[in-house]
Amino acid sequence: MTRRSFLLPIVLLLLAAACATPPKPPPRASRDIIVLLPDDQGKTGAIVVTSAGVERRLDRPRQTVTVEAGSPPGLPAEMPGQEVQAIAGSALAALPKPPLRFILYFEHDSADLTPASQALLKKVLETIRDRAPVDVSVVGHTDTVGLKGYNYALSMKRARAVATLLLGQGIDPATLDVTSHGKDNPLVPTGDQVPEPRNRRVEITVR
């Protein structure tokens, strides 16, 4: 009898303690913040955010909207630049640099650079050295004057001439990708047999 009297209060005490534990709060609804950021050229496209049958259009730099699960998006507002950096600065810094493109122009029916493009070559070299890229695409082009086969060979000659100049300045040959498009893919669309100077070029893309 004495043993039963001793155990009973302990059991009741544990039950009381369990009842005194507050219930866990319900999980909070997921909440997303969407911010539209400009590209490296400062240009901004547009996106439409839809939730609960309501649409919000974002089309200005740093425009933002908040969305909770199952609820309509809030009204768009502009987020200060400092706040963008505080929220996403580390992620933005980790993004790879966007590709840079240069266009070098050539004399008519020649693999000789124009004087202006010879001067631009210095900037190309500085960019490659600064970015230490994994890929440098060198693509030769011609205008539409002449036969297709001849122009393919000429544009390849131009691309290789530029590649040789880069290699001569110590650029790693493993990063170079040299190709030729001939008279296809003109920068300025023209009819056939049109001597357009802007199509006599080599395009360099640094990635």
Protein backbone atom coordinates (compact mmCIF):
# COMPACT_ATOMS: atom_id res chain seq x y z
CA MET A 1 0.00 0.00 0.00
CA THR A 2 2.78 2.35 0.93
CA ARG A 3 4.58 1.60 -2.36
CA ARG A 4 1.52 2.45 -4.47
CA SER A 5 1.01 5.73 -2.64
CA PHE A 6 4.60 6.70 -3.42
CA LEU A 7 4.40 6.04 -7.17
CA LEU A 8 1.06 7.73 -7.82
CA PRO A 9 2.16 11.34 -7.14
CA ILE A 10 5.18 10.94 -9.45
CA VAL A 11 3.03 9.83 -12.37
CA LEU A 12 0.64 12.71 -11.85
CA LEU A 13 3.49 15.17 -11.72
CA LEU A 14 4.88 14.03 -15.07
CA LEU A 15 1.49 14.32 -16.69
CA ALA A 16 1.07 17.80 -15.31
CA ALA A 17 4.45 18.82 -16.67
CA ALA A 18 3.56 17.48 -20.10
CA CYS A 19 0.32 19.42 -20.14
CA ALA A 20 2.16 22.59 -19.17
CA THR A 21 4.42 22.46 -22.30
CA PRO A 22 3.18 25.15 -24.74
CA PRO A 23 2.12 23.87 -28.20
CA LYS A 24 4.46 24.49 -31.13
CA PRO A 25 3.47 27.50 -33.25
CA PRO A 26 2.24 26.70 -36.77
CA PRO A 27 4.92 26.97 -39.48
CA ARG A 28 5.16 30.39 -41.10
CA ALA A 29 4.10 30.72 -44.70
CA SER A 30 7.00 30.84 -47.14
CA ARG A 31 7.86 34.40 -48.16
CA ASP A 32 9.88 35.33 -51.24
CA ILE A 33 11.37 38.67 -52.23
CA ILE A 34 11.86 39.12 -55.97
CA VAL A 35 14.15 41.92 -57.21
CA LEU A 36 14.73 42.87 -60.85
CA LEU A 37 18.35 43.88 -61.40
CA PRO A 38 19.95 45.48 -64.48
CA ASP A 39 22.60 43.65 -66.48
CA ASP A 40 26.22 44.73 -66.74
CA GLN A 41 25.23 47.28 -69.40
CA GLY A 42 22.60 48.83 -67.11
CA LYS A 43 19.73 47.43 -69.16
CA THR A 44 16.66 45.93 -67.54
CA GLY A 45 14.12 43.59 -69.08
CA ALA A 46 10.77 42.79 -67.50
CA ILE A 47 9.19 39.93 -65.57
CA VAL A 48 5.65 39.17 -64.45
CA VAL A 49 5.16 37.71 -60.98
CA THR A 50 1.92 35.75 -60.53
CA SER A 51 0.40 34.38 -57.33
CA ALA A 52 -3.17 33.64 -56.28
CA GLY A 53 -4.42 34.82 -59.67
CA VAL A 54 -2.84 38.29 -59.35
CA GLU A 55 -0.05 39.55 -61.63
CA ARG A 56 2.59 42.19 -60.90
CA ARG A 57 4.92 43.46 -63.63
CA LEU A 58 8.47 44.48 -62.77
CA ASP A 59 10.24 46.51 -65.47
CA ARG A 60 12.49 49.03 -63.68
CA PRO A 61 15.94 48.56 -62.07
CA ARG A 62 15.80 47.28 -58.46
CA GLN A 63 12.01 47.03 -58.58
CA THR A 64 10.87 44.46 -56.05
CA VAL A 65 7.78 42.58 -54.97
CA THR A 66 7.09 40.30 -52.00
CA VAL A 67 5.15 37.06 -52.37
CA GLU A 68 3.77 34.79 -49.65
CA ALA A 69 2.53 31.31 -50.47
CA GLY A 70 -1.13 31.35 -51.43
CA SER A 71 -1.42 35.15 -51.33
CA PRO A 72 -1.35 37.79 -54.09
CA PRO A 73 1.99 39.55 -54.63
CA GLY A 74 2.43 42.88 -52.87
CA LEU A 75 2.63 46.16 -54.73
CA PRO A 76 5.93 46.72 -56.59
CA ALA A 77 8.40 49.11 -54.95
CA GLU A 78 12.00 50.14 -55.59
CA MET A 79 14.64 48.65 -53.32
CA PRO A 80 17.57 50.95 -52.41
CA GLY A 81 20.93 49.92 -53.80
CA GLN A 82 22.42 49.51 -50.32
CA GLU A 83 19.67 47.07 -49.38
CA VAL A 84 20.24 45.06 -52.56
CA GLN A 85 23.91 44.76 -51.65
CA ALA A 86 23.08 43.75 -48.08
CA ILE A 87 20.72 41.00 -49.25
CA ALA A 88 22.44 39.71 -52.38
CA GLY A 89 25.88 41.34 -52.51
CA SER A 90 27.84 38.14 -51.90
CA ALA A 91 25.81 36.20 -54.48
CA LEU A 92 26.24 38.95 -57.09
CA ALA A 93 29.99 39.10 -56.46
CA ALA A 94 30.25 35.34 -57.04
CA LEU A 95 28.64 35.52 -60.48
CA PRO A 96 31.01 35.04 -63.44
CA LYS A 97 31.84 38.18 -65.35
CA PRO A 98 29.75 38.58 -68.51
CA PRO A 99 31.50 37.98 -71.83
CA LEU A 100 33.13 40.97 -73.52
CA ARG A 101 33.15 41.33 -77.30
CA PHE A 102 35.48 43.28 -79.55
CA ILE A 103 35.28 43.80 -83.32
CA LEU A 104 38.43 44.34 -85.38
CA TYR A 105 38.03 45.56 -88.96
CA PHE A 106 40.17 44.78 -92.01
CA GLU A 107 41.22 46.40 -95.25
CA HIS A 108 39.41 45.28 -98.40
CA ASP A 109 40.35 41.76 -99.58
CA SER A 110 43.13 41.65 -96.99
CA ALA A 111 44.16 40.23 -93.62
CA ASP A 112 45.58 43.62 -92.59
CA LEU A 113 43.84 45.43 -89.75
CA THR A 114 42.62 48.96 -90.26
CA PRO A 115 44.59 51.59 -88.27
CA ALA A 116 41.72 52.04 -85.80
CA SER A 117 41.56 48.29 -85.14
CA GLN A 118 45.31 48.10 -84.68
CA ALA A 119 44.90 50.63 -81.88
CA LEU A 120 41.98 48.66 -80.37
CA LEU A 121 44.11 45.51 -80.20
CA LYS A 122 45.90 46.93 -77.15
CA LYS A 123 42.58 47.10 -75.29
CA VAL A 124 41.83 43.51 -76.30
CA LEU A 125 45.13 42.32 -74.85
CA GLU A 126 44.60 44.27 -71.61
CA THR A 127 41.15 42.72 -71.19
CA ILE A 128 42.39 39.16 -71.74
CA ARG A 129 45.24 39.61 -69.28
CA ASP A 130 42.99 41.22 -66.69
CA ARG A 131 40.24 38.61 -66.83
CA ALA A 132 42.41 35.51 -67.29
CA PRO A 133 39.63 33.91 -69.34
CA VAL A 134 39.10 30.24 -70.03
CA ASP A 135 37.95 30.90 -73.59
CA VAL A 136 38.78 33.53 -76.22
CA SER A 137 36.73 33.07 -79.36
CA VAL A 138 38.23 34.52 -82.56
CA VAL A 139 35.81 34.42 -85.52
CA GLY A 140 36.67 35.70 -88.98
CA HIS A 141 34.15 37.28 -91.39
CA THR A 142 34.06 38.91 -94.83
CA ASP A 143 31.67 41.03 -96.84
CA THR A 144 29.64 39.42 -99.62
CA VAL A 145 31.99 40.28 -102.50
CA GLY A 146 33.46 37.17 -104.14
CA LEU A 147 32.80 33.45 -104.05
CA LYS A 148 31.78 31.64 -100.88
CA GLY A 149 34.84 29.38 -100.78
CA TYR A 150 37.24 32.28 -101.31
CA ASN A 151 35.59 34.30 -98.56
CA TYR A 152 35.70 31.40 -96.12
CA ALA A 153 39.45 31.10 -96.68
CA LEU A 154 39.92 34.87 -96.37
CA SER A 155 37.98 35.11 -93.12
CA MET A 156 39.98 32.20 -91.68
CA LYS A 157 43.17 33.99 -92.71
CA ARG A 158 41.96 37.07 -90.83
CA ALA A 159 41.08 35.06 -87.73
CA ARG A 160 44.48 33.34 -87.73
CA ALA A 161 46.24 36.67 -88.21
CA VAL A 162 44.57 38.00 -85.06
CA ALA A 163 45.30 34.79 -83.17
CA THR A 164 48.97 35.09 -84.15
CA LEU A 165 49.08 38.65 -82.80
CA LEU A 166 47.56 37.48 -79.50
CA LEU A 167 49.94 34.55 -79.19
CA GLY A 168 52.86 36.87 -79.91
CA GLN A 169 51.85 38.87 -76.83
CA GLY A 170 51.88 35.83 -74.57
CA ILE A 171 48.22 34.81 -74.63
CA ASP A 172 47.77 31.14 -73.71
CA PRO A 173 47.07 29.19 -76.93
CA ALA A 174 44.87 26.75 -74.99
CA THR A 175 42.31 29.52 -74.48
CA LEU A 176 41.98 30.41 -78.18
CA ASP A 177 39.17 29.09 -80.36
CA VAL A 178 39.72 30.18 -83.98
CA THR A 179 36.92 29.76 -86.55
CA SER A 180 35.66 31.24 -89.82
CA HIS A 181 32.20 32.18 -91.04
CA GLY A 182 33.16 33.56 -94.45
CA LYS A 183 30.43 35.69 -96.00
CA ASP A 184 27.75 34.12 -93.79
CA ASN A 185 26.46 35.96 -90.69
CA PRO A 186 27.19 39.54 -91.82
CA LEU A 187 27.14 42.25 -89.18
CA VAL A 188 25.30 44.51 -91.63
CA PRO A 189 22.88 42.50 -93.82
CA THR A 190 23.38 43.26 -97.50
CA GLY A 191 22.73 41.67 -100.85
CA ASP A 192 25.35 39.57 -102.59
CA GLN A 193 28.51 41.22 -103.96
CA VAL A 194 28.22 44.29 -101.72
CA PRO A 195 31.55 45.71 -100.39
CA GLU A 196 30.43 46.60 -96.87
CA PRO A 197 33.47 47.56 -94.70
CA ARG A 198 31.74 46.70 -91.43
CA ASN A 199 31.40 43.08 -92.52
CA ARG A 200 35.16 42.70 -93.08
CA ARG A 201 35.93 41.85 -89.50
CA VAL A 202 37.06 39.50 -86.75
CA GLU A 203 34.90 39.21 -83.67
CA ILE A 204 36.68 38.42 -80.40
CA THR A 205 34.65 37.22 -77.43
CA VAL A 206 36.38 36.98 -74.07
CA ARG A 207 34.67 34.62 -71.60
